[in-house]
Protein backbone atom coordinates (compact mmCIF):
# COMPACT_ATOMS: atom_id res chain seq x y z
CA MET A 1 0.03 -0.10 0.01
CA ALA A 2 2.86 2.23 0.92
CA LYS A 3 4.28 1.78 -2.51
CA LYS A 4 1.22 2.54 -4.39
CA LYS A 5 0.52 5.79 -2.54
CA LEU A 6 4.01 6.93 -3.32
CA LYS A 7 3.56 6.17 -6.88
CA ALA A 8 0.56 8.21 -6.72
CA ASP A 9 2.06 11.04 -5.29
CA GLU A 10 4.88 11.05 -7.70
CA GLY A 11 2.22 11.01 -10.45
CA ASN A 12 0.64 14.15 -8.93
CA GLY A 13 4.02 15.70 -8.81
CA ASN A 14 3.87 15.98 -4.88
CA PRO A 15 7.17 17.44 -3.86
CA GLU A 16 6.88 16.43 -0.11
CA SER A 17 6.17 12.78 -1.16
CA LYS A 18 9.57 13.01 -3.50
CA LYS A 19 11.57 14.28 -0.56
CA LYS A 20 10.13 11.50 1.70
CA THR A 21 11.17 9.10 -0.74
CA THR A 22 14.79 10.45 -0.93
CA SER A 23 14.96 10.58 2.88
CA LYS A 24 13.75 6.96 3.18
CA THR A 25 15.88 5.76 0.54
CA ARG A 26 19.03 7.50 1.98
CA GLN A 27 18.20 5.87 5.31
CA ALA A 28 17.65 2.44 3.95
CA ARG A 29 21.16 2.55 2.16
CA VAL A 30 22.98 2.79 5.53
CA ILE A 31 21.56 -0.40 6.99
CA LYS A 32 24.40 -2.71 7.71
CA PRO A 33 23.79 -6.10 6.29
CA PHE A 34 23.77 -9.17 8.83
CA GLU A 35 24.39 -6.79 11.81
CA THR A 36 22.08 -6.38 14.77
CA ILE A 37 21.57 -2.77 15.95
CA ARG A 38 23.31 -2.48 19.38
CA PRO A 39 21.51 -1.10 22.39
CA GLY A 40 21.63 2.84 22.65
CA LYS A 41 22.05 3.41 19.04
CA LYS A 42 19.41 4.81 16.61
CA GLY A 43 18.11 2.19 14.17
CA ILE A 44 15.45 2.24 11.39
CA SER A 45 12.79 -0.17 11.65
CA HIS A 46 11.47 -1.26 8.19
CA LYS A 47 9.71 -3.66 6.18
CA PRO A 48 10.84 -5.36 2.93
CA SER A 49 8.29 -3.48 1.24
CA ASP A 50 9.83 -0.06 2.33
CA VAL A 51 13.02 -0.64 0.54
CA LEU A 52 12.52 1.20 -3.02
CA PRO A 53 14.26 0.67 -6.04
CA ILE A 54 16.43 3.72 -6.82
CA SER A 55 19.36 4.73 -8.81
CA LEU A 56 22.79 5.78 -7.28
CA SER A 57 22.31 9.21 -8.60
CA ASP A 58 19.35 9.79 -6.33
CA VAL A 59 21.56 9.53 -3.18
CA LYS A 60 24.29 11.86 -1.80
CA PRO A 61 27.50 10.05 -1.51
CA PHE A 62 28.18 9.96 2.08
CA HIS A 63 26.79 11.39 5.49
CA ASP A 64 28.82 14.20 7.15
CA ALA A 65 31.07 12.05 9.80
CA GLY A 66 30.66 14.60 12.47
CA ALA A 67 26.89 14.72 12.32
CA ALA A 68 26.67 11.10 12.54
CA GLU A 69 28.72 10.86 15.62
CA LYS A 70 26.68 13.72 17.15
CA ASN A 71 23.55 11.87 16.71
CA GLY A 72 25.00 8.92 18.18
CA GLN A 73 25.32 6.98 14.92
CA GLU A 74 28.46 5.13 13.41
CA THR A 75 29.84 6.42 10.28
CA PRO A 76 29.27 3.70 7.79
CA HIS A 77 32.27 2.27 5.80
CA ARG A 78 32.14 2.43 2.03
CA SER A 79 32.11 -1.12 1.69
CA GLU A 80 29.10 -1.55 3.87
CA PHE A 81 26.78 0.25 1.70
CA ILE A 82 24.11 -1.92 0.08
CA GLN A 83 24.04 -0.99 -3.66
CA MET A 84 20.91 -2.09 -5.48
CA GLU A 85 20.40 -1.99 -9.36
CA GLU A 86 17.51 -0.21 -10.65
CA PHE A 87 14.68 -2.25 -11.74
CA PRO A 88 13.22 -2.04 -15.17
CA ALA A 89 9.99 0.27 -15.26
CA LYS A 90 7.67 -2.79 -16.10
CA HIS A 91 8.63 -4.48 -12.71
CA GLY A 92 5.79 -3.40 -10.48
CA SER A 93 6.14 -6.34 -8.24
CA THR A 94 7.11 -6.07 -4.74
CA ASP A 95 7.92 -9.89 -4.48
CA TYR A 96 11.48 -10.15 -2.85
CA SER A 97 11.61 -13.95 -2.30
CA PRO A 98 15.06 -15.21 -3.05
CA ALA A 99 14.00 -16.14 -6.55
CA HIS A 100 13.24 -12.44 -7.18
CA LYS A 101 15.75 -10.90 -4.88
CA PRO A 102 17.41 -7.71 -6.35
CA ALA A 103 21.00 -7.87 -7.70
CA VAL A 104 23.59 -6.87 -5.31
CA LYS A 105 26.85 -5.07 -6.48
CA LYS A 106 29.65 -6.54 -4.62
CA ALA A 107 32.75 -4.57 -4.14
CA PRO A 108 35.69 -5.98 -6.13
CA VAL A 109 38.13 -8.04 -4.17
CA LYS A 110 41.77 -7.70 -4.59
CA THR A 111 43.38 -11.09 -5.00
CA THR A 112 47.12 -11.75 -4.68
CA LYS A 113 48.75 -14.42 -6.84
CA VAL A 114 50.82 -16.89 -5.17
CA LYS A 115 54.20 -16.97 -6.90
CA ARG A 116 56.09 -20.23 -6.93
CA ASP A 117 59.47 -19.98 -5.81
CA SER A 118 61.88 -20.53 -8.83
CA LYS A 119 64.97 -20.83 -6.72
CA LYS A 120 63.76 -23.84 -4.53
CA LYS A 121 66.47 -26.22 -4.07
CA LYS A 122 66.34 -29.20 -6.36
CA ILE A 123 67.17 -32.69 -5.06
CA PHE A 124 69.59 -34.80 -6.98
CA VAL A 125 69.57 -38.36 -6.38
CA LEU A 126 72.94 -40.12 -7.10
CA ASP A 127 73.69 -43.56 -8.73
CA THR A 128 76.52 -45.61 -7.80
CA SER A 129 78.07 -45.10 -11.10
CA VAL A 130 78.54 -41.33 -10.18
CA ILE A 131 80.33 -42.15 -7.07
CA LEU A 132 82.61 -44.58 -8.65
CA TYR A 133 83.47 -41.99 -11.32
CA ASN A 134 84.34 -39.23 -8.72
CA HIS A 135 84.01 -39.70 -4.80
CA ASP A 136 83.91 -36.13 -4.48
CA SER A 137 80.64 -35.81 -6.52
CA ILE A 138 78.43 -34.95 -3.77
CA ASN A 139 79.97 -31.73 -3.32
CA ASN A 140 79.53 -30.65 -6.92
CA PHE A 141 75.66 -29.46 -6.69
CA GLU A 142 76.01 -25.76 -5.25
CA ASP A 143 73.22 -25.16 -2.94
CA ASN A 144 70.96 -28.11 -3.85
CA ASP A 145 70.29 -31.19 -1.82
CA VAL A 146 71.82 -34.65 -2.45
CA ALA A 147 69.97 -37.81 -1.73
CA ILE A 148 71.75 -41.30 -1.71
CA PRO A 149 69.52 -44.39 -1.85
CA ILE A 150 70.48 -46.98 0.57
CA THR A 151 70.89 -49.41 -2.19
CA VAL A 152 73.97 -47.21 -3.37
CA LEU A 153 75.53 -47.76 -0.02
CA GLU A 154 75.20 -51.53 -0.34
CA GLU A 155 76.70 -51.67 -3.94
CA LEU A 156 79.79 -49.49 -2.69
CA ASP A 157 79.93 -52.08 0.11
CA ASN A 158 80.95 -54.72 -2.56
CA PHE A 159 83.61 -52.27 -4.34
CA LYS A 160 85.54 -51.28 -1.15
CA LYS A 161 87.88 -53.99 -1.41
CA GLY A 162 90.70 -54.05 -4.06
CA ASN A 163 93.42 -51.79 -5.44
CA ASP A 164 91.78 -50.42 -8.51
CA THR A 165 90.76 -46.87 -9.12
CA LYS A 166 86.94 -47.76 -8.39
CA ASN A 167 87.67 -49.54 -4.96
CA PHE A 168 89.64 -46.21 -3.87
CA GLU A 169 86.70 -43.95 -5.08
CA ALA A 170 84.24 -46.36 -3.01
CA ARG A 171 86.40 -46.49 0.15
CA GLU A 172 86.81 -42.41 0.05
CA PHE A 173 83.14 -41.67 -0.57
CA ILE A 174 82.47 -43.87 2.64
CA ARG A 175 84.83 -41.87 4.64
CA ILE A 176 83.41 -38.72 3.53
CA ILE A 177 79.93 -39.88 4.60
CA ASP A 178 81.11 -41.12 7.92
CA SER A 179 82.84 -37.88 8.53
CA LEU A 180 79.80 -35.68 7.60
CA SER A 181 77.37 -37.55 9.37
CA ASP A 182 79.22 -37.58 12.85
CA ASN A 183 76.64 -38.26 15.47
CA ALA A 184 73.65 -37.45 13.28
CA THR A 185 71.46 -40.02 11.55
CA LEU A 186 71.76 -40.49 7.91
CA THR A 187 67.98 -40.33 7.45
CA ASP A 188 67.78 -36.68 8.46
CA TRP A 189 69.28 -33.81 6.15
CA ILE A 190 72.59 -33.16 7.16
CA PRO A 191 74.78 -30.13 5.95
CA LEU A 192 77.45 -30.64 3.13
CA VAL A 193 80.62 -28.76 4.29
CA LYS A 194 82.00 -27.88 0.98
CA SER A 195 78.95 -26.82 -0.85
CA LYS A 196 77.46 -23.62 -0.94
CA GLY A 197 74.31 -24.53 1.60
CA GLY A 198 73.45 -28.11 0.44
CA MET A 199 72.39 -30.80 2.49
CA PHE A 200 72.34 -34.73 2.05
CA LYS A 201 70.72 -37.77 3.43
CA VAL A 202 70.12 -41.55 2.84
CA VAL A 203 66.91 -42.46 1.33
CA MET A 204 65.82 -45.77 3.20
CA ASN A 205 62.20 -45.75 1.39
CA GLU A 206 62.42 -47.64 -1.83
CA ARG A 207 58.51 -47.82 -2.26
CA SER A 208 56.48 -45.98 -4.52
CA ASP A 209 53.09 -45.89 -6.09
CA LEU A 210 54.67 -46.26 -9.27
CA ASP A 211 56.85 -49.43 -8.64
CA ALA A 212 59.84 -49.64 -10.98
CA ARG A 213 60.42 -53.32 -9.90
CA GLN A 214 56.99 -54.37 -10.88
CA ILE A 215 57.17 -52.49 -14.16
CA PHE A 216 60.53 -53.79 -15.33
CA ASP A 217 59.80 -57.01 -13.59
CA ASP A 218 62.94 -57.50 -11.89
CA ASN A 219 64.17 -56.46 -8.43
CA LYS A 220 67.71 -55.31 -9.28
CA PRO A 221 69.64 -52.67 -7.63
CA ASP A 222 68.80 -50.01 -10.47
CA HIS A 223 64.97 -50.69 -10.00
CA ARG A 224 65.58 -49.93 -6.24
CA ILE A 225 67.26 -46.63 -7.10
CA LEU A 226 64.61 -45.52 -9.21
CA ASN A 227 61.95 -46.17 -6.56
CA ALA A 228 64.00 -44.35 -4.08
CA ALA A 229 63.80 -41.16 -6.68
CA LEU A 230 60.23 -41.78 -7.21
CA SER A 231 59.33 -41.81 -3.46
CA LEU A 232 61.14 -38.46 -3.27
CA VAL A 233 58.92 -37.01 -5.86
CA GLN A 234 55.91 -37.94 -3.92
CA GLU A 235 57.44 -36.83 -0.60
CA TYR A 236 58.60 -33.53 -1.93
CA PRO A 237 55.99 -32.45 -4.64
CA ASP A 238 56.99 -29.04 -4.77
CA ARG A 239 60.61 -29.76 -5.50
CA LYS A 240 62.45 -30.95 -8.51
CA VAL A 241 63.91 -34.43 -8.21
CA ILE A 242 66.77 -35.30 -10.76
CA LEU A 243 68.47 -38.61 -10.87
CA VAL A 244 71.98 -38.31 -11.87
CA SER A 245 73.80 -41.39 -13.29
CA LYS A 246 76.59 -42.39 -15.74
CA ASP A 247 74.67 -45.11 -16.74
CA ILE A 248 72.79 -44.31 -20.11
CA ASN A 249 70.29 -47.23 -20.01
CA LEU A 250 69.44 -46.28 -16.27
CA ARG A 251 68.76 -42.75 -17.55
CA LEU A 252 66.81 -43.99 -20.10
CA LYS A 253 64.62 -46.07 -17.43
CA ALA A 254 64.22 -42.98 -15.23
CA LYS A 255 62.84 -40.83 -18.34
CA SER A 256 60.24 -43.46 -19.09
CA LEU A 257 58.94 -43.15 -15.52
CA ASN A 258 58.53 -39.67 -16.11
CA LEU A 259 61.54 -38.93 -13.84
CA THR A 260 64.05 -36.42 -14.70
CA ALA A 261 67.61 -37.74 -15.13
CA GLU A 262 70.83 -36.40 -16.50
CA ASP A 263 74.60 -37.18 -16.81
CA PHE A 264 77.12 -36.10 -14.05
CA LEU A 265 78.35 -33.12 -15.86
CA THR A 266 81.30 -31.93 -13.69
CA GLY A 267 84.40 -32.76 -15.60
CA LYS A 268 82.38 -32.98 -18.85
CA ILE A 269 83.57 -30.51 -21.80
CA LYS A 270 80.92 -29.24 -24.08
CA ASP A 271 82.58 -29.09 -27.47
CA VAL A 272 84.77 -32.36 -28.27
CA GLU A 273 84.97 -31.18 -31.87
CA GLY A 274 86.19 -27.74 -30.85
CA LEU A 275 88.77 -29.34 -28.44
CA TYR A 276 92.37 -27.53 -28.44
CA THR A 277 94.37 -29.10 -31.09
CA GLY A 278 97.82 -27.29 -30.42
CA ILE A 279 98.59 -26.69 -34.34
CA SER A 280 97.49 -23.71 -36.63
CA THR A 281 98.04 -23.13 -40.12
CA ILE A 282 98.58 -19.91 -41.75
CA ASN A 283 98.61 -19.71 -45.57
CA ASN A 284 99.57 -17.05 -47.81
CA LEU A 285 102.48 -15.66 -45.79
CA SER A 286 105.17 -13.09 -47.39
CA SER A 287 108.24 -14.86 -48.59
CA ARG A 288 110.15 -12.24 -46.52
CA ILE A 289 108.91 -13.50 -43.32
CA ILE A 290 109.61 -17.19 -44.12
CA ASP A 291 113.19 -16.23 -45.25
CA LYS A 292 113.70 -14.51 -42.09
CA LEU A 293 112.65 -17.54 -40.26
CA TYR A 294 115.24 -19.63 -42.28
CA GLN A 295 118.02 -17.09 -41.64
CA SER A 296 117.50 -15.52 -38.17
CA GLY A 297 115.65 -18.64 -36.80
CA TYR A 298 112.72 -16.79 -35.65
CA CYS A 299 110.08 -14.08 -36.07
CA LEU A 300 107.63 -11.95 -34.09
CA PRO A 301 104.10 -13.05 -33.48
CA ARG A 302 102.91 -9.89 -35.24
CA ASP A 303 104.96 -10.77 -38.17
CA ILE A 304 102.50 -13.59 -39.00
CA GLY A 305 99.45 -11.85 -37.90
CA VAL A 306 99.04 -13.40 -34.28
CA LYS A 307 98.00 -11.02 -31.71
CA ASN A 308 97.75 -13.08 -28.57
CA PRO A 309 100.06 -16.30 -29.02
CA VAL A 310 99.44 -19.22 -26.83
CA PRO A 311 102.44 -20.64 -25.12
CA ASN A 312 104.20 -23.65 -26.82
CA HIS A 313 101.61 -23.44 -29.94
CA TYR A 314 102.72 -25.01 -33.03
CA TYR A 315 102.28 -23.16 -36.52
CA ILE A 316 102.56 -24.44 -40.08
CA LEU A 317 103.53 -21.52 -42.05
CA ARG A 318 103.12 -21.72 -45.85
CA ASN A 319 103.62 -19.92 -48.86
CA THR A 320 103.04 -20.68 -52.54
CA ASN A 321 106.69 -21.81 -52.76
CA THR A 322 107.89 -22.71 -49.42
CA SER A 323 106.94 -23.57 -46.01
CA ALA A 324 108.26 -23.74 -42.35
CA LEU A 325 107.30 -25.24 -39.15
CA ALA A 326 107.58 -23.24 -36.02
CA CYS A 327 106.53 -22.82 -32.11
CA TYR A 328 105.81 -19.84 -30.11
CA ASN A 329 108.61 -19.72 -27.08
CA ALA A 330 106.73 -17.84 -24.28
CA LEU A 331 110.09 -17.25 -22.47
CA THR A 332 111.51 -15.32 -25.39
CA ARG A 333 108.16 -14.26 -26.91
CA ARG A 334 109.15 -15.34 -30.41
CA ILE A 335 108.04 -17.68 -33.19
CA GLU A 336 110.79 -20.07 -33.57
CA ARG A 337 111.45 -22.28 -36.42
CA LEU A 338 111.63 -26.21 -35.74
CA GLU A 339 113.79 -28.77 -37.25
CA LYS A 340 113.19 -32.36 -37.68
CA ARG A 341 114.94 -34.24 -34.76
CA SER A 342 115.06 -38.11 -34.44
CA ALA A 343 115.38 -39.83 -31.37
CA PHE A 344 116.66 -43.61 -31.14
CA ARG A 345 116.56 -43.73 -34.76
CA ILE A 346 112.79 -42.94 -34.76
CA THR A 347 112.38 -39.91 -37.14
CA PRO A 348 109.01 -38.11 -37.26
CA ARG A 349 107.18 -38.52 -40.84
CA ASN A 350 104.87 -35.54 -40.77
CA ALA A 351 104.66 -32.04 -39.17
CA GLU A 352 102.47 -33.48 -36.37
CA GLN A 353 105.02 -36.11 -35.31
CA VAL A 354 107.75 -33.24 -35.48
CA PHE A 355 105.65 -31.12 -33.16
CA ALA A 356 105.29 -33.97 -30.76
CA MET A 357 108.89 -34.95 -30.76
CA HIS A 358 109.73 -31.29 -29.95
CA ALA A 359 107.29 -31.09 -27.16
CA ILE A 360 108.64 -34.01 -25.42
CA LEU A 361 112.16 -33.29 -25.78
CA ASN A 362 111.54 -29.59 -24.69
CA PRO A 363 113.13 -29.22 -21.20
CA ASP A 364 110.98 -26.24 -20.28
CA VAL A 365 107.72 -28.22 -20.92
CA LYS A 366 106.67 -30.34 -17.83
CA LEU A 367 103.69 -31.71 -19.13
CA VAL A 368 102.74 -33.08 -22.77
CA THR A 369 99.44 -34.54 -24.00
CA LEU A 370 99.58 -36.49 -27.60
CA GLN A 371 95.88 -37.13 -28.94
CA GLY A 372 95.21 -39.20 -32.17
CA VAL A 373 93.55 -42.12 -33.84
CA ALA A 374 95.51 -45.46 -33.67
CA GLY A 375 98.52 -45.62 -35.72
CA THR A 376 99.45 -42.08 -35.56
CA GLY A 377 102.59 -43.00 -33.48
CA LYS A 378 101.71 -41.27 -30.29
CA THR A 379 103.14 -44.27 -27.84
CA LEU A 380 106.12 -44.82 -30.08
CA LEU A 381 107.13 -41.35 -30.30
CA ALA A 382 106.69 -40.65 -26.57
CA LEU A 383 108.90 -43.56 -25.65
CA ALA A 384 111.70 -42.92 -28.10
CA ALA A 385 111.94 -39.17 -26.89
CA ALA A 386 111.79 -40.46 -23.26
CA LEU A 387 114.78 -42.87 -23.93
CA GLU A 388 116.70 -40.08 -25.85
CA GLN A 389 116.85 -38.09 -22.74
CA LYS A 390 116.80 -40.75 -19.99
CA ARG A 391 120.18 -39.30 -18.73
CA ASN A 392 118.42 -36.46 -17.52
CA PHE A 393 115.80 -38.52 -15.48
CA LYS A 394 116.45 -40.99 -12.60
CA GLN A 395 114.03 -43.31 -14.09
CA VAL A 396 111.58 -43.81 -17.22
CA PHE A 397 108.26 -45.11 -16.04
CA LEU A 398 105.52 -46.46 -18.50
CA ALA A 399 102.08 -47.15 -17.16
CA ARG A 400 98.76 -47.68 -18.80
CA PRO A 401 95.40 -48.28 -17.07
CA ILE A 402 94.18 -51.93 -16.91
CA VAL A 403 90.95 -52.34 -18.71
CA PRO A 404 90.37 -56.10 -18.69
CA LEU A 405 87.79 -57.87 -20.91
CA SER A 406 84.26 -57.75 -19.79
CA ASN A 407 85.78 -55.70 -16.77
CA LYS A 408 87.00 -58.40 -14.88
CA ASP A 409 89.57 -58.09 -12.24
CA ILE A 410 93.15 -59.27 -13.02
CA GLY A 411 92.92 -61.85 -10.11
CA TYR A 412 90.58 -64.14 -12.37
CA LEU A 413 93.75 -64.97 -14.30
CA PRO A 414 96.26 -67.51 -13.32
CA GLY A 415 99.91 -67.05 -12.06
CA ASP A 416 101.70 -64.50 -10.24
CA ILE A 417 101.40 -60.84 -10.31
CA LYS A 418 103.77 -60.55 -13.35
CA SER A 419 101.89 -63.13 -15.24
CA LYS A 420 98.72 -61.30 -14.61
CA ILE A 421 100.08 -57.82 -15.63
CA ASN A 422 102.27 -58.72 -18.72
CA PRO A 423 99.25 -59.27 -20.92
CA TYR A 424 98.06 -55.86 -20.44
CA MET A 425 101.60 -54.35 -20.85
CA GLU A 426 102.32 -56.08 -24.14
CA PRO A 427 101.51 -52.96 -26.22
CA LEU A 428 104.26 -51.00 -24.50
CA TYR A 429 106.59 -54.02 -25.00
CA ASP A 430 105.79 -53.84 -28.55
CA ASN A 431 106.80 -50.41 -28.93
CA LEU A 432 109.99 -50.93 -26.99
CA LYS A 433 110.83 -53.92 -29.05
CA PHE A 434 110.19 -51.86 -32.32
CA ILE A 435 112.71 -49.26 -31.03
CA GLN A 436 115.24 -51.93 -30.26
CA SER A 437 114.83 -53.40 -33.69
CA GLN A 438 116.34 -50.44 -35.11
CA TYR A 439 119.55 -51.52 -33.86
CA SER A 440 121.53 -54.86 -34.16
CA GLU A 441 122.24 -56.92 -31.02
CA LYS A 442 125.82 -55.94 -31.13
CA ASP A 443 125.01 -52.26 -30.85
CA LYS A 444 125.41 -50.65 -27.59
CA GLU A 445 122.03 -49.00 -27.73
CA TYR A 446 120.34 -52.24 -27.99
CA LYS A 447 122.02 -53.43 -24.91
CA ASN A 448 121.25 -50.23 -23.11
CA ILE A 449 117.42 -50.95 -23.48
CA THR A 450 117.81 -54.60 -22.32
CA ASP A 451 119.82 -53.42 -19.22
CA SER A 452 117.51 -50.53 -18.24
CA LEU A 453 114.77 -52.99 -18.10
CA GLU A 454 116.77 -55.43 -15.82
CA ASN A 455 118.09 -52.49 -13.89
CA GLU A 456 114.49 -50.90 -13.52
CA LYS A 457 115.88 -47.75 -15.05
CA LEU A 458 113.05 -48.23 -17.59
CA VAL A 459 109.85 -49.56 -15.69
CA ILE A 460 106.63 -50.75 -17.13
CA GLN A 461 103.87 -50.97 -14.58
CA PRO A 462 99.90 -50.87 -14.41
CA LEU A 463 98.66 -47.33 -13.47
CA ALA A 464 96.91 -48.84 -10.28
CA TYR A 465 100.42 -49.04 -8.53
CA ILE A 466 101.10 -45.42 -8.77
CA ARG A 467 98.63 -44.22 -6.07
CA GLY A 468 100.50 -42.91 -2.81
CA ARG A 469 104.00 -42.57 -4.61
CA SER A 470 105.99 -39.53 -4.86
CA ILE A 471 107.63 -39.51 -8.31
CA SER A 472 110.61 -37.04 -8.51
CA ASN A 473 113.08 -36.90 -11.29
CA VAL A 474 111.10 -39.15 -13.53
CA CYS A 475 109.80 -39.23 -17.22
CA PHE A 476 106.43 -40.60 -16.82
CA ILE A 477 104.34 -41.95 -19.72
CA ILE A 478 100.78 -42.75 -19.19
CA ASP A 479 99.34 -44.62 -22.24
CA GLU A 480 95.54 -44.95 -23.06
CA ALA A 481 95.02 -42.22 -20.94
CA GLN A 482 91.37 -41.63 -22.38
CA ASN A 483 90.30 -44.56 -20.15
CA LEU A 484 91.13 -42.64 -16.96
CA THR A 485 88.64 -40.18 -15.15
CA PRO A 486 89.47 -36.50 -14.52
CA HIS A 487 90.00 -37.31 -10.90
CA GLU A 488 92.51 -40.06 -11.77
CA VAL A 489 94.34 -37.75 -14.07
CA LYS A 490 94.51 -35.19 -11.10
CA THR A 491 95.84 -37.95 -8.90
CA ILE A 492 98.59 -38.65 -11.40
CA ILE A 493 99.75 -35.08 -11.86
CA THR A 494 99.74 -34.35 -8.03
CA ARG A 495 102.33 -37.23 -7.67
CA ALA A 496 104.84 -35.35 -9.57
CA GLY A 497 107.77 -34.13 -7.83
CA GLN A 498 110.70 -31.95 -8.86
CA GLY A 499 112.24 -32.60 -12.15
CA THR A 500 109.42 -34.80 -13.38
CA LYS A 501 107.96 -34.63 -16.64
CA ILE A 502 104.50 -36.32 -17.60
CA ILE A 503 103.33 -37.55 -20.87
CA PHE A 504 99.71 -38.41 -21.55
CA THR A 505 98.79 -40.35 -24.69
CA GLY A 506 95.42 -41.75 -26.07
CA ASP A 507 92.49 -41.42 -28.49
CA ILE A 508 89.51 -39.69 -27.00
CA TYR A 509 87.30 -41.80 -29.33
CA GLN A 510 88.46 -45.31 -28.44
CA ILE A 511 87.40 -45.57 -24.87
CA ASP A 512 86.88 -48.93 -23.06
CA THR A 513 86.08 -48.05 -19.64
CA PRO A 514 82.27 -48.02 -18.49
CA TYR A 515 80.58 -44.77 -17.95
CA LEU A 516 83.25 -42.78 -19.77
CA ASP A 517 82.79 -40.92 -23.14
CA ALA A 518 84.63 -38.41 -25.29
CA GLN A 519 83.44 -35.70 -23.21
CA SER A 520 84.03 -37.03 -19.71
CA ASN A 521 87.22 -38.90 -19.94
CA GLY A 522 90.42 -37.50 -18.21
CA LEU A 523 92.47 -36.84 -21.31
CA SER A 524 89.77 -34.50 -22.86
CA TYR A 525 89.16 -32.91 -19.35
CA LEU A 526 93.14 -32.35 -19.19
CA ILE A 527 93.26 -30.85 -22.52
CA ASP A 528 90.50 -28.46 -22.12
CA LYS A 529 91.83 -27.28 -18.70
CA VAL A 530 95.42 -27.00 -18.97
CA LYS A 531 95.90 -25.31 -22.33
CA HIS A 532 97.55 -21.78 -22.66
CA HIS A 533 99.91 -22.74 -19.71
CA SER A 534 103.63 -22.32 -20.13
CA ILE A 535 104.55 -25.69 -19.06
CA TYR A 536 102.26 -27.45 -21.07
CA ALA A 537 102.03 -28.44 -24.59
CA HIS A 538 99.55 -30.40 -26.75
CA VAL A 539 99.64 -31.90 -30.13
CA ARG A 540 96.74 -33.70 -32.04
CA LEU A 541 98.19 -36.27 -34.39
CA GLU A 542 95.61 -36.93 -37.25
CA LYS A 543 97.65 -38.69 -40.09
CA GLY A 544 98.25 -42.33 -39.53
CA GLU A 545 101.91 -43.64 -40.13
CA ARG A 546 101.49 -47.09 -38.97
CA SER A 547 100.89 -48.78 -42.46
CA GLU A 548 98.72 -48.32 -45.48
CA LEU A 549 96.41 -51.01 -44.34
CA ALA A 550 95.69 -49.34 -40.85
CA ASN A 551 94.94 -45.97 -42.57
CA LEU A 552 92.49 -47.94 -44.60
CA ALA A 553 90.83 -49.22 -41.53
CA ASN A 554 90.79 -45.60 -40.08
CA ASP A 555 89.35 -43.68 -43.06
CA LEU A 556 86.78 -46.42 -44.18
CA LEU A 557 85.63 -48.58 -41.01
């Protein structure tokens, strides 16, 4: 009835009725929703029919705060105003049941997006192969955490006995874990001292919803390690879990289970094809510069267009008519011409062999690496040059890593230690016999080689026996160095005492050791890290000189 009356008054143009409507509407807008009126406060009693549909333009924005306080009313907050949409003119019904309730405009609510922490620590799960590759691998993951499945410790227990490098790596890692854990339990996160804030723990739980043992139908150690990594994914859903392994097949299995897996990258070079060669060829040089080399024996780096020469770097200088071989001497800061030199009647057959012979015979160079395919003369040149200058050393030591067939230990072979080792040392004896064959049995040099072997002036031994020794005044040749890990190469070089020269030879593409490749083997790592040092020289031998048949195999097979 009230609404009908108001409509009639509006139609008659009654100003009082309009004023009442505005006042009533203004009062209706300040009603707080869902709040009872406290005693002592003035309230407005109203019926649902008293609430009129109005537009926002009919209402003054706010009451005066001071006046409201004087009247004993609370100043309403902006968000407490109920704002109603104006109904269409044709809606004359006053039915405010839930089905016909007027739309209420809600104040916009500011929402803050929860940003995911991109710098959250990762969890790296180590496989046994990584630890046997480098016992200090646990400290190479910056500020991330490292998890070690209990199966890995069980496998290391089987490797701890023996004199091979992998046995040493297993023992050293066990000592590191024991030292770090101290009085703590290995199932808790323990700080890593050498890392940048990382922690480690041993994972005992090798059960997960996705069971690798059931999927691959075998309860082998690799599958238990996969389960340990999968259990960490479930336990830490907000962190990235990565399995680290040198075993390619294990990484493939992990990826098939939607588990991130990667190789152990420490000590792994990025570009094998771009590996330092030690040799540069400069064509179209002026005849005047090459003539100067032959007359004076040297020229300056700027004469051949070299701004920043590398110490002990070798150059093939060519012109249309002549050519010259040269090397940069860091002591004199000159490009010096080289001449072909022989050692124990072994004469270089190409420019690369001339460079290799010069590097070994150079007394200022203490570390030499020779890299090349089979038949390029690496071992022969190293042995001949070492014998040539044996008077300058107390001993010439030849060694190579033992990589038995199917990776069986040498203890499986019958006989004493010499009988077990000799088959693996035969390639070194073959080169020695070839040098000896350059002389007749009556020659003094022939007898000197035999006497050197008997008097241990010339020693041929497996590389495993080098650990713990201090080698002073020795020319030390390590053959097949591509089968060494970067850590083993470091161990060998740190054995060197005063007056020692070390020569590494090998082919980085012919690797017999499991878990090593052209990028991660010790020889590649050494060439990449030690280049540009004044006591180091490197030569890559590319042309085979063993025989025409051997070259055919290298080129076509």
